Every structure is written in structure tokens, then in C-alpha cells.
Amino acid sequence: MIGVWGDVVFTVSDKKINTFDAFKRTETARWSKHDIHGQKSKAEYIGLEAGKVSFTMHFSAFHGVNPIVELDKFIKYARSGVAHTLIIGTKRVGVGKWYMPGTDQSWNHIDNQGNILTAGLNITMEEYV
């Protein structure tokens, strides 16, 4: 197991590949600038913005995954507003839970019966505070 978010298990085995790539994490501080006549403005640390993570997933029927089932699972998560702990390896990412405000899907290969054979998914999650 590579990681987990809710009941999504990121894994690679000889029977199934269900993992991510291009994982990116962003943490941003909030600062306020105060104008002072005749001088440089003064910066004041306000606090942190909610963290963000993004990654891409690829689903292939040839690698033991049903792409439409996986895509539908992520649509349900986006529509329901659930938040889960994100774990990569044995390390918890961030201090809280993460929610998924939406997904961006690509249906890459479809057979002559209308079945999705391969698909891609871009995911962005935000820290739930």
C-alpha cells in the first residue's frame, strides 16, 4: 500500500495498479502590508492559508481497475463534501483532514461498446480546518 484517503487505497501489485503521480503540496502564509507614509510598508504575519495537494491518477482496465467505477467514486466524494485523513506511506499529510472540491476527468480510450478502458483524473484537495 502506497497510501490511503478514506476508502481509496493507493496500491501497486501484480493484479492491480491504482496509484498517483505528480503529487504536489502547497502551503501558503497570509501576510498583510501596512502602508507607512514616507517609508517602506510593514509586513505583518496573519496566519496560514489552508494547505492544498494535487495529483494525477490513471485508471486502466488492463491493470485490474474498472475506470468508470473509480471515476464515479471520486465524483461521489466531490458531491458529498466528505473529508478524510490523507496518508502517504506511513506519514499523515498535514495535521487535519482533506476534502476534494472537484475533479477533472479525461476518458482516454473507449471500446466499441462504450466501455471506458483507460481514463485520467486530476485531483485537488484542500485542508479541512
N, C-alpha and C. Protein backbone atom coordinates (compact mmCIF):
# COMPACT_ATOMS: atom_id res chain seq x y z
N MET A 1 0.84 -1.18 0.00
CA MET A 1 0.00 0.00 0.00
C MET A 1 0.89 1.25 0.00
N ILE A 2 0.61 2.14 -0.93
CA ILE A 2 1.35 3.39 -1.03
C ILE A 2 0.74 4.47 -0.14
N GLY A 3 -0.58 4.46 -0.05
CA GLY A 3 -1.26 5.45 0.77
C GLY A 3 -2.75 5.20 0.80
N VAL A 4 -3.46 6.09 1.51
CA VAL A 4 -4.90 5.93 1.66
C VAL A 4 -5.55 7.29 1.92
N TRP A 5 -6.76 7.46 1.40
CA TRP A 5 -7.63 8.60 1.69
C TRP A 5 -9.04 8.05 1.74
N GLY A 6 -9.61 7.97 2.93
CA GLY A 6 -10.92 7.33 3.07
C GLY A 6 -10.83 5.88 2.67
N ASP A 7 -11.72 5.44 1.76
CA ASP A 7 -11.65 4.06 1.30
C ASP A 7 -10.90 3.93 -0.03
N VAL A 8 -10.23 5.02 -0.45
CA VAL A 8 -9.36 4.96 -1.62
C VAL A 8 -7.99 4.48 -1.16
N VAL A 9 -7.58 3.34 -1.66
CA VAL A 9 -6.28 2.78 -1.31
C VAL A 9 -5.39 2.88 -2.54
N PHE A 10 -4.30 3.60 -2.41
CA PHE A 10 -3.32 3.73 -3.49
C PHE A 10 -2.39 2.52 -3.38
N THR A 11 -2.38 1.71 -4.43
CA THR A 11 -1.64 0.46 -4.36
C THR A 11 -1.07 0.05 -5.71
N VAL A 12 -0.03 -0.73 -5.66
CA VAL A 12 0.54 -1.36 -6.85
C VAL A 12 0.81 -2.81 -6.49
N SER A 13 0.27 -3.71 -7.29
CA SER A 13 0.53 -5.14 -7.09
C SER A 13 0.57 -5.80 -8.47
N ASP A 14 0.78 -7.10 -8.48
CA ASP A 14 0.81 -7.80 -9.77
C ASP A 14 -0.58 -7.93 -10.38
N LYS A 15 -1.65 -7.64 -9.60
CA LYS A 15 -3.01 -7.74 -10.09
C LYS A 15 -3.69 -6.39 -10.31
N LYS A 16 -3.18 -5.36 -9.65
CA LYS A 16 -3.89 -4.08 -9.69
C LYS A 16 -2.93 -2.91 -9.54
N ILE A 17 -3.11 -1.90 -10.39
CA ILE A 17 -2.37 -0.65 -10.25
C ILE A 17 -3.38 0.46 -10.05
N ASN A 18 -3.35 1.06 -8.88
CA ASN A 18 -4.27 2.15 -8.54
C ASN A 18 -3.48 3.16 -7.71
N THR A 19 -2.69 3.97 -8.38
CA THR A 19 -1.81 4.88 -7.68
C THR A 19 -1.84 6.26 -8.33
N PHE A 20 -1.01 7.14 -7.88
CA PHE A 20 -0.99 8.52 -8.36
C PHE A 20 0.41 8.90 -8.82
N ASP A 21 0.48 10.02 -9.52
CA ASP A 21 1.78 10.60 -9.84
C ASP A 21 1.65 12.13 -9.80
N ALA A 22 2.76 12.79 -9.94
CA ALA A 22 2.84 14.26 -9.93
C ALA A 22 2.22 14.85 -8.66
N PHE A 23 2.51 14.24 -7.52
CA PHE A 23 1.98 14.74 -6.24
C PHE A 23 2.62 16.08 -5.91
N LYS A 24 1.80 17.05 -5.58
CA LYS A 24 2.29 18.40 -5.26
C LYS A 24 1.55 18.90 -4.02
N ARG A 25 2.31 19.46 -3.08
CA ARG A 25 1.72 20.01 -1.86
C ARG A 25 2.09 21.49 -1.77
N THR A 26 1.12 22.32 -1.42
CA THR A 26 1.32 23.76 -1.31
C THR A 26 0.89 24.24 0.06
N GLU A 27 1.76 24.98 0.72
CA GLU A 27 1.45 25.65 1.98
C GLU A 27 1.75 27.13 1.78
N THR A 28 0.80 27.98 2.14
CA THR A 28 0.95 29.41 1.92
C THR A 28 0.62 30.17 3.19
N ALA A 29 1.46 31.14 3.51
CA ALA A 29 1.22 32.02 4.67
C ALA A 29 0.42 33.24 4.21
N ARG A 30 -0.34 33.81 5.13
CA ARG A 30 -1.07 35.06 4.86
C ARG A 30 -0.31 36.21 5.51
N TRP A 31 -0.09 37.25 4.74
CA TRP A 31 0.60 38.44 5.22
C TRP A 31 -0.24 39.67 4.88
N SER A 32 -0.18 40.64 5.72
CA SER A 32 -0.83 41.92 5.46
C SER A 32 0.25 42.99 5.36
N LYS A 33 0.08 43.93 4.45
CA LYS A 33 1.03 45.04 4.28
C LYS A 33 0.38 46.31 4.81
N HIS A 34 1.09 47.02 5.65
CA HIS A 34 0.59 48.27 6.22
C HIS A 34 1.41 49.42 5.63
N ASP A 35 0.71 50.32 4.96
CA ASP A 35 1.39 51.47 4.37
C ASP A 35 1.78 52.46 5.46
N ILE A 36 3.00 52.97 5.36
CA ILE A 36 3.51 53.99 6.28
C ILE A 36 4.02 55.13 5.43
N HIS A 37 3.49 56.31 5.67
CA HIS A 37 3.85 57.48 4.86
C HIS A 37 5.36 57.74 4.90
N GLY A 38 5.94 57.83 3.71
CA GLY A 38 7.36 58.16 3.59
C GLY A 38 8.30 57.01 3.89
N GLN A 39 7.78 55.82 4.16
CA GLN A 39 8.63 54.68 4.48
C GLN A 39 8.16 53.45 3.71
N LYS A 40 8.96 52.43 3.78
CA LYS A 40 8.54 51.15 3.21
C LYS A 40 7.36 50.62 4.02
N SER A 41 6.49 49.90 3.34
CA SER A 41 5.37 49.30 4.07
C SER A 41 5.89 48.22 5.02
N LYS A 42 5.13 48.00 6.08
CA LYS A 42 5.48 46.98 7.08
C LYS A 42 4.63 45.74 6.85
N ALA A 43 5.29 44.60 6.89
CA ALA A 43 4.58 43.33 6.72
C ALA A 43 4.21 42.75 8.08
N GLU A 44 3.02 42.17 8.14
CA GLU A 44 2.56 41.53 9.38
C GLU A 44 2.06 40.13 9.04
N TYR A 45 2.60 39.14 9.73
CA TYR A 45 2.16 37.76 9.55
C TYR A 45 0.78 37.59 10.17
N ILE A 46 -0.16 37.09 9.39
CA ILE A 46 -1.54 36.91 9.84
C ILE A 46 -1.81 35.46 10.24
N GLY A 47 -1.30 34.52 9.46
CA GLY A 47 -1.56 33.11 9.73
C GLY A 47 -1.37 32.30 8.45
N LEU A 48 -1.86 31.09 8.46
CA LEU A 48 -1.71 30.20 7.32
C LEU A 48 -3.00 30.09 6.53
N GLU A 49 -2.86 29.92 5.22
CA GLU A 49 -3.97 29.51 4.37
C GLU A 49 -4.12 28.01 4.54
N ALA A 50 -5.27 27.47 4.18
CA ALA A 50 -5.44 26.02 4.18
C ALA A 50 -4.49 25.42 3.16
N GLY A 51 -3.87 24.30 3.50
CA GLY A 51 -2.95 23.63 2.59
C GLY A 51 -3.69 23.02 1.41
N LYS A 52 -2.96 22.76 0.34
CA LYS A 52 -3.52 22.14 -0.85
C LYS A 52 -2.58 21.04 -1.32
N VAL A 53 -3.16 19.98 -1.84
CA VAL A 53 -2.40 18.94 -2.52
C VAL A 53 -3.08 18.68 -3.86
N SER A 54 -2.28 18.28 -4.81
CA SER A 54 -2.83 17.89 -6.11
C SER A 54 -2.02 16.72 -6.65
N PHE A 55 -2.69 15.89 -7.42
CA PHE A 55 -2.04 14.75 -8.05
C PHE A 55 -2.89 14.24 -9.18
N THR A 56 -2.31 13.37 -9.97
CA THR A 56 -2.98 12.78 -11.12
C THR A 56 -3.09 11.28 -10.91
N MET A 57 -4.21 10.72 -11.34
CA MET A 57 -4.37 9.27 -11.30
C MET A 57 -4.71 8.78 -12.71
N HIS A 58 -4.27 7.57 -13.03
CA HIS A 58 -4.56 6.95 -14.32
C HIS A 58 -5.19 5.59 -14.04
N PHE A 59 -6.33 5.34 -14.65
CA PHE A 59 -7.05 4.08 -14.44
C PHE A 59 -7.07 3.31 -15.75
N SER A 60 -6.78 2.01 -15.68
CA SER A 60 -6.75 1.18 -16.87
C SER A 60 -7.39 -0.18 -16.58
N ALA A 61 -8.31 -0.55 -17.45
CA ALA A 61 -8.92 -1.88 -17.34
C ALA A 61 -7.86 -2.96 -17.53
N PHE A 62 -6.77 -2.62 -18.20
CA PHE A 62 -5.69 -3.58 -18.44
C PHE A 62 -4.80 -3.77 -17.22
N HIS A 63 -5.01 -2.95 -16.18
CA HIS A 63 -4.24 -3.06 -14.94
C HIS A 63 -5.12 -3.38 -13.74
N GLY A 64 -6.24 -4.05 -13.98
CA GLY A 64 -7.07 -4.56 -12.90
C GLY A 64 -8.01 -3.55 -12.26
N VAL A 65 -8.26 -2.43 -12.93
CA VAL A 65 -9.12 -1.39 -12.37
C VAL A 65 -10.24 -1.09 -13.37
N ASN A 66 -11.45 -0.93 -12.87
CA ASN A 66 -12.56 -0.51 -13.72
C ASN A 66 -12.60 1.02 -13.71
N PRO A 67 -12.18 1.68 -14.80
CA PRO A 67 -12.08 3.14 -14.79
C PRO A 67 -13.37 3.86 -14.40
N ILE A 68 -14.52 3.45 -14.92
CA ILE A 68 -15.76 4.18 -14.63
C ILE A 68 -16.14 4.07 -13.16
N VAL A 69 -15.87 2.91 -12.55
CA VAL A 69 -16.15 2.74 -11.12
C VAL A 69 -15.29 3.71 -10.31
N GLU A 70 -14.01 3.80 -10.65
CA GLU A 70 -13.11 4.70 -9.93
C GLU A 70 -13.49 6.16 -10.15
N LEU A 71 -13.80 6.54 -11.39
CA LEU A 71 -14.20 7.92 -11.67
C LEU A 71 -15.47 8.29 -10.90
N ASP A 72 -16.45 7.39 -10.91
CA ASP A 72 -17.70 7.64 -10.19
C ASP A 72 -17.47 7.79 -8.69
N LYS A 73 -16.54 7.03 -8.14
CA LYS A 73 -16.22 7.11 -6.72
C LYS A 73 -15.76 8.52 -6.37
N PHE A 74 -14.90 9.10 -7.20
CA PHE A 74 -14.40 10.44 -6.92
C PHE A 74 -15.46 11.52 -7.14
N ILE A 75 -16.37 11.31 -8.08
CA ILE A 75 -17.49 12.24 -8.26
C ILE A 75 -18.35 12.25 -7.00
N LYS A 76 -18.63 11.08 -6.44
CA LYS A 76 -19.41 10.99 -5.20
C LYS A 76 -18.73 11.74 -4.06
N TYR A 77 -17.41 11.60 -3.97
CA TYR A 77 -16.67 12.32 -2.92
C TYR A 77 -16.80 13.83 -3.09
N ALA A 78 -16.66 14.30 -4.31
CA ALA A 78 -16.75 15.74 -4.55
C ALA A 78 -18.16 16.26 -4.24
N ARG A 79 -19.17 15.48 -4.58
CA ARG A 79 -20.56 15.92 -4.36
C ARG A 79 -21.00 15.82 -2.90
N SER A 80 -20.40 14.92 -2.15
CA SER A 80 -20.86 14.71 -0.77
C SER A 80 -20.14 15.58 0.25
N GLY A 81 -19.00 16.14 -0.12
CA GLY A 81 -18.27 17.01 0.80
C GLY A 81 -17.57 16.28 1.94
N VAL A 82 -17.20 15.03 1.73
CA VAL A 82 -16.52 14.28 2.79
C VAL A 82 -15.08 14.74 2.93
N ALA A 83 -14.55 14.58 4.13
CA ALA A 83 -13.15 14.88 4.41
C ALA A 83 -12.55 13.67 5.11
N HIS A 84 -11.34 13.30 4.70
CA HIS A 84 -10.65 12.15 5.27
C HIS A 84 -9.19 12.50 5.53
N THR A 85 -8.57 11.73 6.37
CA THR A 85 -7.14 11.83 6.60
C THR A 85 -6.42 11.30 5.36
N LEU A 86 -5.39 11.99 4.92
CA LEU A 86 -4.58 11.55 3.79
C LEU A 86 -3.26 11.02 4.33
N ILE A 87 -2.98 9.77 4.00
CA ILE A 87 -1.75 9.13 4.47
C ILE A 87 -0.96 8.65 3.25
N ILE A 88 0.30 9.02 3.18
CA ILE A 88 1.20 8.55 2.14
C ILE A 88 2.32 7.79 2.84
N GLY A 89 2.49 6.53 2.47
CA GLY A 89 3.43 5.66 3.20
C GLY A 89 2.89 5.45 4.59
N THR A 90 3.65 5.81 5.58
CA THR A 90 3.19 5.72 6.97
C THR A 90 3.00 7.11 7.57
N LYS A 91 3.12 8.15 6.74
CA LYS A 91 3.07 9.52 7.24
C LYS A 91 1.76 10.20 6.89
N ARG A 92 1.16 10.79 7.89
CA ARG A 92 -0.04 11.59 7.71
C ARG A 92 0.37 12.90 7.03
N VAL A 93 -0.36 13.31 6.00
CA VAL A 93 -0.08 14.56 5.31
C VAL A 93 -0.87 15.67 6.01
N GLY A 94 -0.16 16.68 6.52
CA GLY A 94 -0.82 17.77 7.23
C GLY A 94 -1.24 17.34 8.62
N VAL A 95 -2.01 18.20 9.26
CA VAL A 95 -2.45 17.91 10.63
C VAL A 95 -3.94 17.58 10.70
N GLY A 96 -4.68 17.93 9.66
CA GLY A 96 -6.13 17.68 9.67
C GLY A 96 -6.54 16.74 8.56
N LYS A 97 -7.80 16.85 8.22
CA LYS A 97 -8.34 16.04 7.13
C LYS A 97 -8.31 16.86 5.84
N TRP A 98 -8.58 16.18 4.72
CA TRP A 98 -8.55 16.79 3.41
C TRP A 98 -9.87 16.53 2.70
N TYR A 99 -10.39 17.54 2.02
CA TYR A 99 -11.60 17.37 1.21
C TYR A 99 -11.27 17.65 -0.25
N MET A 100 -12.14 17.18 -1.13
CA MET A 100 -11.92 17.33 -2.56
C MET A 100 -13.03 18.20 -3.15
N PRO A 101 -12.72 19.45 -3.51
CA PRO A 101 -13.75 20.34 -4.05
C PRO A 101 -14.23 19.97 -5.45
N GLY A 102 -13.48 19.18 -6.18
CA GLY A 102 -13.90 18.79 -7.53
C GLY A 102 -12.86 17.91 -8.19
N THR A 103 -13.21 17.40 -9.37
CA THR A 103 -12.30 16.56 -10.14
C THR A 103 -12.29 17.01 -11.59
N ASP A 104 -11.28 16.61 -12.30
CA ASP A 104 -11.15 16.88 -13.72
C ASP A 104 -10.82 15.55 -14.39
N GLN A 105 -11.77 15.01 -15.15
CA GLN A 105 -11.62 13.68 -15.73
C GLN A 105 -11.26 13.73 -17.21
N SER A 106 -10.57 12.71 -17.67
CA SER A 106 -10.36 12.52 -19.11
C SER A 106 -10.62 11.05 -19.43
N TRP A 107 -11.51 10.82 -20.36
CA TRP A 107 -11.80 9.46 -20.81
C TRP A 107 -10.94 9.22 -22.03
N ASN A 108 -9.86 8.49 -21.87
CA ASN A 108 -8.84 8.40 -22.91
C ASN A 108 -9.12 7.36 -23.98
N HIS A 109 -9.55 6.17 -23.60
CA HIS A 109 -9.81 5.11 -24.58
C HIS A 109 -11.16 4.46 -24.26
N ILE A 110 -12.02 4.41 -25.27
CA ILE A 110 -13.35 3.82 -25.13
C ILE A 110 -13.50 2.76 -26.21
N ASP A 111 -13.99 1.57 -25.81
CA ASP A 111 -14.12 0.50 -26.81
C ASP A 111 -15.40 0.66 -27.63
N ASN A 112 -15.63 -0.27 -28.56
CA ASN A 112 -16.79 -0.16 -29.46
C ASN A 112 -18.12 -0.46 -28.78
N GLN A 113 -18.10 -0.79 -27.49
CA GLN A 113 -19.32 -0.99 -26.71
C GLN A 113 -19.60 0.20 -25.79
N GLY A 114 -18.72 1.20 -25.82
CA GLY A 114 -18.88 2.37 -24.97
C GLY A 114 -18.25 2.22 -23.59
N ASN A 115 -17.48 1.17 -23.39
CA ASN A 115 -16.79 0.97 -22.11
C ASN A 115 -15.51 1.79 -22.07
N ILE A 116 -15.28 2.45 -20.95
CA ILE A 116 -14.05 3.22 -20.78
C ILE A 116 -12.94 2.24 -20.41
N LEU A 117 -11.91 2.20 -21.23
CA LEU A 117 -10.79 1.28 -20.99
C LEU A 117 -9.67 1.96 -20.21
N THR A 118 -9.40 3.21 -20.52
CA THR A 118 -8.41 3.98 -19.76
C THR A 118 -8.94 5.39 -19.53
N ALA A 119 -8.60 5.92 -18.37
CA ALA A 119 -9.06 7.26 -18.01
C ALA A 119 -8.04 7.93 -17.10
N GLY A 120 -8.09 9.23 -17.06
CA GLY A 120 -7.22 10.00 -16.18
C GLY A 120 -8.05 10.88 -15.27
N LEU A 121 -7.46 11.25 -14.15
CA LEU A 121 -8.17 12.06 -13.17
C LEU A 121 -7.18 13.01 -12.51
N ASN A 122 -7.47 14.30 -12.59
CA ASN A 122 -6.70 15.31 -11.87
C ASN A 122 -7.45 15.65 -10.60
N ILE A 123 -6.77 15.56 -9.47
CA ILE A 123 -7.41 15.76 -8.18
C ILE A 123 -6.71 16.88 -7.44
N THR A 124 -7.52 17.77 -6.87
CA THR A 124 -7.01 18.79 -5.96
C THR A 124 -7.76 18.63 -4.66
N MET A 125 -7.03 18.58 -3.56
CA MET A 125 -7.63 18.50 -2.23
C MET A 125 -7.20 19.70 -1.42
N GLU A 126 -8.09 20.12 -0.53
CA GLU A 126 -7.77 21.23 0.37
C GLU A 126 -7.91 20.76 1.80
N GLU A 127 -7.10 21.35 2.64
CA GLU A 127 -7.10 21.00 4.06
C GLU A 127 -8.41 21.47 4.69
N TYR A 128 -9.03 20.59 5.43
CA TYR A 128 -10.28 20.89 6.12
C TYR A 128 -9.95 21.37 7.52
N VAL A 129 -10.20 22.66 7.78
CA VAL A 129 -9.89 23.21 9.10
C VAL A 129 -11.13 23.78 9.75
